N, C-alpha and C. Protein backbone atom coordinates (compact mmCIF):
# COMPACT_ATOMS: atom_id res chain seq x y z
N MET A 1 85.13 109.79 59.58
CA MET A 1 85.72 111.14 59.58
C MET A 1 86.27 111.37 60.99
N ALA A 2 87.61 111.66 61.17
CA ALA A 2 88.36 111.72 62.39
C ALA A 2 87.76 112.92 63.13
N LEU A 3 87.73 112.82 64.50
CA LEU A 3 87.35 113.97 65.29
C LEU A 3 88.49 115.05 65.29
N TYR A 4 88.30 116.32 65.59
CA TYR A 4 89.34 116.97 65.92
C TYR A 4 88.96 118.21 67.02
N PRO A 5 89.61 118.04 68.00
CA PRO A 5 90.86 117.64 68.17
C PRO A 5 90.58 116.05 68.54
N PRO A 6 91.55 115.07 68.46
CA PRO A 6 91.29 113.55 68.48
C PRO A 6 91.11 113.49 70.22
N THR A 7 90.31 112.55 70.49
CA THR A 7 90.21 112.09 71.97
C THR A 7 91.53 111.23 72.44
N GLY A 8 91.62 111.17 73.49
CA GLY A 8 92.95 110.48 74.12
C GLY A 8 92.63 109.07 74.55
N PHE A 9 91.46 108.47 74.58
CA PHE A 9 91.27 107.37 75.20
C PHE A 9 91.17 106.03 74.36
N PHE A 10 91.25 106.21 73.01
CA PHE A 10 91.42 105.07 72.16
C PHE A 10 92.94 105.02 71.78
N PHE A 11 93.67 104.25 72.32
CA PHE A 11 95.35 104.10 71.88
C PHE A 11 95.41 102.67 71.98
N LYS A 12 96.74 102.32 71.32
CA LYS A 12 97.39 101.04 71.65
C LYS A 12 98.83 101.23 71.66
N VAL A 13 99.36 100.49 72.42
CA VAL A 13 100.86 100.11 72.75
C VAL A 13 101.47 98.91 72.21
N LYS A 14 102.83 99.07 71.61
CA LYS A 14 103.29 98.03 71.25
C LYS A 14 104.67 97.89 71.73
N ILE A 15 105.00 96.96 72.40
CA ILE A 15 106.55 96.89 72.75
C ILE A 15 107.07 95.56 72.35
N GLY A 16 108.23 95.91 71.33
CA GLY A 16 108.84 94.92 70.53
C GLY A 16 107.95 93.75 70.19
N ASP A 17 108.16 92.43 70.71
CA ASP A 17 107.23 91.43 70.29
C ASP A 17 106.30 90.90 71.48
N PHE A 18 106.30 91.78 72.38
CA PHE A 18 105.41 91.28 73.36
C PHE A 18 103.86 91.25 73.26
N GLU A 19 103.03 90.43 73.49
CA GLU A 19 101.87 90.24 73.22
C GLU A 19 100.78 90.76 74.18
N ASP A 20 101.12 90.95 75.40
CA ASP A 20 100.40 91.21 76.52
C ASP A 20 100.51 92.76 77.10
N VAL A 21 100.35 93.68 76.21
CA VAL A 21 100.70 95.13 76.54
C VAL A 21 99.40 95.98 76.36
N ALA A 22 98.42 95.65 76.73
CA ALA A 22 97.04 96.57 76.87
C ALA A 22 97.18 97.36 78.07
N PHE A 23 97.18 98.74 77.95
CA PHE A 23 97.35 99.72 78.95
C PHE A 23 96.23 100.56 79.20
N GLN A 24 95.93 101.19 80.39
CA GLN A 24 94.85 102.01 80.68
C GLN A 24 95.31 103.43 80.44
N GLU A 25 96.57 103.67 80.83
CA GLU A 25 96.97 105.04 80.91
C GLU A 25 98.53 105.06 80.38
N VAL A 26 98.98 105.97 79.45
CA VAL A 26 100.09 106.39 79.02
C VAL A 26 100.74 107.63 79.28
N THR A 27 101.56 107.91 80.02
CA THR A 27 101.96 109.52 80.16
C THR A 27 103.39 109.60 80.11
N GLY A 28 103.98 110.89 79.94
CA GLY A 28 105.52 111.00 79.85
C GLY A 28 106.15 111.15 78.54
N LEU A 29 105.13 111.24 77.51
CA LEU A 29 105.83 111.34 76.03
C LEU A 29 105.83 112.81 75.78
N SER A 30 107.09 113.27 76.09
CA SER A 30 107.42 114.94 76.26
C SER A 30 108.97 114.66 75.87
N MET A 31 109.26 115.98 75.27
CA MET A 31 110.43 116.43 75.08
C MET A 31 110.85 117.85 75.35
N THR A 32 111.89 118.18 75.95
CA THR A 32 112.31 119.50 76.40
C THR A 32 113.81 119.91 75.84
N LEU A 33 113.71 121.05 75.40
CA LEU A 33 115.10 121.62 74.91
C LEU A 33 115.63 122.31 75.71
N GLU A 34 116.83 121.75 76.40
CA GLU A 34 117.69 122.41 77.27
C GLU A 34 118.51 123.66 76.50
N THR A 35 118.57 124.57 77.20
CA THR A 35 119.20 125.77 76.83
C THR A 35 120.42 126.10 77.94
N VAL A 36 121.52 126.80 77.28
CA VAL A 36 122.56 127.39 78.37
C VAL A 36 122.48 128.93 78.15
N PRO A 37 122.54 129.68 79.37
CA PRO A 37 122.76 131.14 79.23
C PRO A 37 123.97 131.59 78.81
N ILE A 38 123.97 132.68 77.99
CA ILE A 38 125.26 133.28 77.54
C ILE A 38 125.23 134.86 77.62
N LYS A 39 126.00 135.55 78.65
CA LYS A 39 125.80 136.90 78.83
C LYS A 39 126.97 137.37 77.81
N GLU A 40 126.32 138.48 77.19
CA GLU A 40 127.47 139.24 75.98
C GLU A 40 128.13 140.31 76.91
N GLY A 41 129.49 140.32 76.72
CA GLY A 41 130.04 141.58 77.32
C GLY A 41 129.66 142.83 77.03
N GLY A 42 129.21 143.81 77.87
CA GLY A 42 128.76 145.02 77.69
C GLY A 42 127.41 145.21 77.47
N GLN A 43 126.57 144.04 77.43
CA GLN A 43 125.11 144.02 77.09
C GLN A 43 124.50 143.57 78.39
N ASN A 44 123.73 144.49 79.27
CA ASN A 44 123.14 144.19 80.58
C ASN A 44 121.66 143.86 80.62
N ARG A 45 121.27 144.10 79.24
CA ARG A 45 119.46 144.21 79.28
C ARG A 45 119.13 142.94 79.20
N PHE A 46 119.85 141.74 78.71
CA PHE A 46 119.19 140.50 78.75
C PHE A 46 120.42 139.47 78.39
N VAL A 47 120.02 138.23 78.47
CA VAL A 47 120.82 137.01 78.52
C VAL A 47 120.54 136.39 77.30
N TYR A 48 121.38 135.62 76.37
CA TYR A 48 120.98 135.02 75.26
C TYR A 48 120.90 133.47 75.83
N GLN A 49 120.07 132.76 75.39
CA GLN A 49 119.58 131.41 75.64
C GLN A 49 119.80 130.65 74.54
N LEU A 50 121.12 129.82 74.34
CA LEU A 50 121.39 129.02 73.40
C LEU A 50 120.92 127.59 73.29
N PRO A 51 120.45 127.10 72.41
CA PRO A 51 119.97 125.46 72.56
C PRO A 51 121.29 124.63 72.63
N VAL A 52 120.94 123.62 73.70
CA VAL A 52 122.11 122.52 73.86
C VAL A 52 121.76 121.13 73.33
N ARG A 53 120.52 120.59 73.94
CA ARG A 53 120.31 119.32 73.66
C ARG A 53 118.85 119.11 74.04
N THR A 54 118.15 117.97 73.71
CA THR A 54 116.72 117.72 74.01
C THR A 54 116.91 116.45 75.23
N SER A 55 115.92 116.65 76.05
CA SER A 55 115.78 115.57 77.15
C SER A 55 114.32 115.27 77.13
N SER A 56 114.18 114.03 77.71
CA SER A 56 112.53 113.58 77.86
C SER A 56 112.64 113.05 79.16
N GLU A 57 111.27 112.94 79.73
CA GLU A 57 110.75 112.39 80.87
C GLU A 57 110.68 110.88 80.65
N LYS A 58 110.42 110.42 81.87
CA LYS A 58 110.33 108.88 81.86
C LYS A 58 108.81 108.64 81.17
N LEU A 59 108.78 107.58 80.39
CA LEU A 59 107.25 107.05 80.06
C LEU A 59 106.86 106.21 81.06
N ILE A 60 105.73 106.74 81.50
CA ILE A 60 104.96 105.80 82.69
C ILE A 60 103.68 105.18 81.85
N LEU A 61 103.74 103.77 81.90
CA LEU A 61 102.46 103.00 81.62
C LEU A 61 101.77 102.21 82.62
N LYS A 62 100.54 102.30 82.65
CA LYS A 62 99.82 101.65 83.80
C LYS A 62 98.73 100.82 82.94
N ARG A 63 98.53 99.71 84.00
CA ARG A 63 97.41 98.71 83.43
C ARG A 63 97.06 97.90 84.88
N GLY A 64 96.02 97.05 84.70
CA GLY A 64 95.57 96.11 85.71
C GLY A 64 96.88 95.02 85.86
N LEU A 65 97.08 94.81 87.24
CA LEU A 65 98.14 94.01 87.58
C LEU A 65 98.15 92.42 86.79
N GLU A 66 99.14 92.12 86.02
CA GLU A 66 99.13 91.04 85.56
C GLU A 66 100.29 90.09 86.37
N VAL A 67 99.90 88.99 86.95
CA VAL A 67 100.79 88.22 87.92
C VAL A 67 101.92 87.77 87.29
N SER A 68 101.72 87.30 85.87
CA SER A 68 102.87 86.76 85.18
C SER A 68 102.80 87.19 83.68
N SER A 69 103.76 87.93 82.97
CA SER A 69 103.71 88.08 81.67
C SER A 69 105.00 88.30 81.17
N GLN A 70 105.26 88.37 79.78
CA GLN A 70 106.42 88.53 79.18
C GLN A 70 106.87 90.16 79.79
N LEU A 71 106.05 91.12 79.67
CA LEU A 71 106.38 92.49 80.28
C LEU A 71 106.99 92.29 81.49
N ALA A 72 106.29 91.74 82.42
CA ALA A 72 106.60 91.50 83.98
C ALA A 72 107.92 90.93 84.07
N ASN A 73 108.20 89.76 83.10
CA ASN A 73 109.55 89.17 83.13
C ASN A 73 110.58 90.17 82.77
N TRP A 74 110.41 90.91 81.63
CA TRP A 74 111.28 91.90 81.41
C TRP A 74 111.67 92.94 82.28
N CYS A 75 110.66 93.30 83.10
CA CYS A 75 110.96 94.36 84.16
C CYS A 75 111.79 93.61 85.29
N LYS A 76 111.36 92.31 85.71
CA LYS A 76 112.12 91.74 86.66
C LYS A 76 113.57 91.58 86.12
N ASP A 77 113.91 91.01 85.16
CA ASP A 77 115.16 90.91 84.58
C ASP A 77 116.01 92.22 84.59
N ALA A 78 115.52 93.25 84.17
CA ALA A 78 116.10 94.67 84.50
C ALA A 78 116.37 95.09 85.69
N LEU A 79 115.35 94.84 86.63
CA LEU A 79 115.38 95.46 88.20
C LEU A 79 115.97 94.75 89.09
N GLU A 80 115.74 93.32 88.86
CA GLU A 80 116.26 92.67 89.96
C GLU A 80 117.53 91.73 89.49
N ASN A 81 117.56 91.48 88.40
CA ASN A 81 118.83 90.89 87.79
C ASN A 81 119.79 91.65 87.08
N PHE A 82 119.55 92.93 86.81
CA PHE A 82 120.31 94.23 86.08
C PHE A 82 120.71 93.46 84.95
N SER A 83 119.84 92.75 84.07
CA SER A 83 120.00 92.28 82.72
C SER A 83 119.15 93.17 81.96
N PHE A 84 119.72 94.07 81.12
CA PHE A 84 118.85 94.92 80.14
C PHE A 84 118.64 94.54 78.66
N SER A 85 117.55 94.67 78.35
CA SER A 85 117.37 94.34 77.09
C SER A 85 116.27 95.36 76.50
N PRO A 86 116.78 96.47 75.96
CA PRO A 86 115.97 97.63 75.24
C PRO A 86 115.09 97.08 74.20
N LYS A 87 114.03 97.82 74.34
CA LYS A 87 113.05 97.46 73.30
C LYS A 87 112.40 98.55 72.78
N ASP A 88 112.13 98.56 71.23
CA ASP A 88 111.36 99.67 70.73
C ASP A 88 109.72 99.50 70.96
N LEU A 89 109.04 100.87 71.31
CA LEU A 89 107.84 100.85 71.46
C LEU A 89 107.15 101.61 70.37
N GLU A 90 105.99 101.24 70.09
CA GLU A 90 104.99 102.03 69.28
C GLU A 90 103.67 102.42 70.28
N ILE A 91 103.49 103.86 70.17
CA ILE A 91 102.25 104.20 70.67
C ILE A 91 101.55 104.81 69.88
N SER A 92 100.17 104.18 69.48
CA SER A 92 99.30 104.84 68.36
C SER A 92 97.92 105.41 68.75
N LEU A 93 97.78 106.52 68.46
CA LEU A 93 96.76 107.09 68.85
C LEU A 93 95.66 106.70 67.63
N LEU A 94 94.31 106.10 68.13
CA LEU A 94 93.46 105.48 67.19
C LEU A 94 92.11 106.58 67.01
N ASP A 95 91.65 106.50 65.87
CA ASP A 95 90.41 107.38 65.75
C ASP A 95 89.30 106.84 66.39
N PHE A 96 88.35 107.73 67.08
CA PHE A 96 87.41 107.48 67.55
C PHE A 96 86.11 106.77 66.72
N ALA A 97 85.99 107.34 65.59
CA ALA A 97 85.10 106.75 64.80
C ALA A 97 85.36 105.21 64.33
N ALA A 98 86.56 105.19 63.86
CA ALA A 98 87.07 103.97 63.21
C ALA A 98 88.36 103.32 64.13
N GLN A 99 88.13 102.62 65.09
CA GLN A 99 89.25 102.44 66.18
C GLN A 99 90.16 101.76 65.40
N ASP A 100 90.18 101.13 64.38
CA ASP A 100 91.45 100.48 63.73
C ASP A 100 92.09 101.50 62.98
N LYS A 101 91.84 102.58 62.74
CA LYS A 101 92.39 103.58 61.89
C LYS A 101 93.32 104.27 62.86
N ILE A 102 94.67 104.24 62.62
CA ILE A 102 95.79 105.13 63.34
C ILE A 102 95.62 106.48 63.02
N LEU A 103 95.59 107.40 63.86
CA LEU A 103 95.82 108.94 63.50
C LEU A 103 97.31 109.33 63.38
N VAL A 104 98.11 109.00 64.53
CA VAL A 104 99.49 109.07 64.73
C VAL A 104 100.00 108.25 65.65
N THR A 105 101.31 108.14 65.24
CA THR A 105 102.16 106.94 65.99
C THR A 105 103.51 107.64 66.67
N TRP A 106 103.91 107.43 67.81
CA TRP A 106 105.15 107.78 68.28
C TRP A 106 105.93 106.63 68.47
N GLN A 107 107.08 106.66 67.85
CA GLN A 107 108.17 105.39 67.88
C GLN A 107 109.07 105.96 68.86
N VAL A 108 109.12 104.92 70.14
CA VAL A 108 109.93 105.28 71.26
C VAL A 108 111.20 104.12 70.88
N VAL A 109 112.54 104.64 70.81
CA VAL A 109 113.62 103.99 70.82
C VAL A 109 114.37 103.53 72.02
N ARG A 110 114.56 102.17 71.99
CA ARG A 110 115.58 101.67 73.07
C ARG A 110 115.08 102.05 74.47
N ALA A 111 113.89 101.56 74.81
CA ALA A 111 113.27 101.87 76.08
C ALA A 111 113.67 100.65 77.10
N TYR A 112 113.82 100.96 78.33
CA TYR A 112 114.25 99.84 79.27
C TYR A 112 113.49 100.31 80.56
N PRO A 113 113.26 99.34 81.52
CA PRO A 113 112.46 99.58 82.60
C PRO A 113 113.49 100.28 83.73
N THR A 114 112.95 101.29 84.53
CA THR A 114 113.83 101.93 85.55
C THR A 114 112.87 101.75 86.81
N LYS A 115 111.65 101.40 86.87
CA LYS A 115 110.87 101.18 87.97
C LYS A 115 109.66 100.39 87.55
N TRP A 116 109.28 99.62 88.70
CA TRP A 116 107.77 98.97 88.77
C TRP A 116 107.37 99.22 90.04
N SER A 117 106.05 99.51 89.91
CA SER A 117 105.41 99.74 91.26
C SER A 117 103.79 99.04 91.29
N VAL A 118 103.19 98.83 92.05
CA VAL A 118 101.76 98.32 92.20
C VAL A 118 101.06 99.30 93.19
N SER A 119 99.81 99.55 92.83
CA SER A 119 98.90 100.40 93.63
C SER A 119 98.88 99.91 95.13
N GLY A 120 98.46 100.84 95.92
CA GLY A 120 98.08 100.26 97.34
C GLY A 120 96.94 99.38 97.36
N PHE A 121 96.99 98.49 98.44
CA PHE A 121 95.74 97.74 98.73
C PHE A 121 95.09 98.18 99.78
N ASN A 122 93.60 98.28 99.78
CA ASN A 122 92.79 98.79 100.77
C ASN A 122 91.59 97.65 100.72
N ALA A 123 91.34 97.42 101.84
CA ALA A 123 90.14 96.29 102.10
C ALA A 123 89.00 97.22 101.97
N ALA A 124 88.79 98.54 102.30
CA ALA A 124 87.41 99.27 102.34
C ALA A 124 87.36 99.76 100.85
N ASN A 125 88.21 99.60 99.91
CA ASN A 125 87.78 100.09 98.58
C ASN A 125 87.70 98.99 97.54
N ASN A 126 86.78 98.96 96.59
CA ASN A 126 86.60 98.12 95.68
C ASN A 126 87.56 98.50 94.40
N GLU A 127 88.73 98.35 94.06
CA GLU A 127 89.53 98.96 93.04
C GLU A 127 90.50 97.79 92.87
N LEU A 128 90.95 98.03 91.56
CA LEU A 128 91.80 96.75 90.66
C LEU A 128 93.20 97.40 91.26
N ALA A 129 93.94 96.27 91.23
CA ALA A 129 95.34 96.59 91.53
C ALA A 129 96.04 97.08 90.30
N ILE A 130 96.93 98.14 90.22
CA ILE A 130 97.40 98.72 88.92
C ILE A 130 98.75 98.73 89.14
N GLU A 131 99.42 97.95 88.06
CA GLU A 131 100.95 98.03 88.20
C GLU A 131 101.32 99.18 87.11
N SER A 132 102.25 100.08 87.34
CA SER A 132 102.93 101.02 86.83
C SER A 132 104.41 100.62 86.48
N ILE A 133 104.68 100.85 85.22
CA ILE A 133 106.07 100.67 84.74
C ILE A 133 106.83 101.97 84.22
N GLU A 134 107.81 102.32 84.83
CA GLU A 134 108.54 103.50 84.26
C GLU A 134 109.58 102.90 83.11
N LEU A 135 109.59 103.45 82.09
CA LEU A 135 110.58 103.45 81.03
C LEU A 135 111.46 104.67 80.61
N GLN A 136 112.96 104.38 80.72
CA GLN A 136 113.76 105.47 80.13
C GLN A 136 114.03 104.98 78.80
N TYR A 137 114.08 105.99 77.82
CA TYR A 137 114.53 105.67 76.46
C TYR A 137 115.41 106.89 75.92
N GLN A 138 115.81 106.56 74.60
CA GLN A 138 116.87 107.39 74.04
C GLN A 138 116.06 108.70 73.44
N HIS A 139 115.10 108.35 72.63
CA HIS A 139 114.36 109.51 71.79
C HIS A 139 113.03 109.02 71.23
N PHE A 140 112.24 109.94 70.85
CA PHE A 140 111.02 109.19 70.01
C PHE A 140 110.76 110.18 68.84
N SER A 141 110.00 109.71 68.08
CA SER A 141 109.63 110.49 66.64
C SER A 141 108.34 110.28 66.33
N LYS A 142 107.50 111.36 65.91
CA LYS A 142 106.32 111.19 65.57
C LYS A 142 105.88 110.92 64.10
N ILE A 143 104.98 109.90 63.95
CA ILE A 143 104.85 109.40 62.55
C ILE A 143 103.56 109.42 61.95
N PHE A 144 103.22 110.27 61.16
CA PHE A 144 101.65 110.10 60.71
C PHE A 144 101.69 109.14 59.27
N PRO A 145 100.57 108.43 59.44
CA PRO A 145 100.42 107.37 58.67
C PRO A 145 100.05 108.10 56.95
N SER A 146 100.54 107.32 56.03
CA SER A 146 100.29 107.98 54.71
C SER A 146 98.83 107.94 54.11
């Protein structure tokens, strides 16, 4: 039986046909409806807000640094060589009790890297080196398993 509300720490990410895509954090999966204000002549009490389009934040994926991987090469091609190869992603939230059971999946369409960074290095701390990858994408949809 799935917990409600579900926990956010059992998830998996699939990027195209890449095999090395385990992440510790995924953020930025959001959509905002943009509006345009319209003033009606003679009506001074309010302004209409009409919907225009949706926009999304950049998707940010974080994981322990992998020196060489398919994902790192994909980012390098985009950021250093300006050679883009958009990929579709699937971000699936898993059930706490049965971790192989998918509760919901977000399908992200035509994502490509716009930023790669690595956490700072500090000899006084015992911390992992974390790489962050920012992705821009066209849109996403939410899919519930049948």
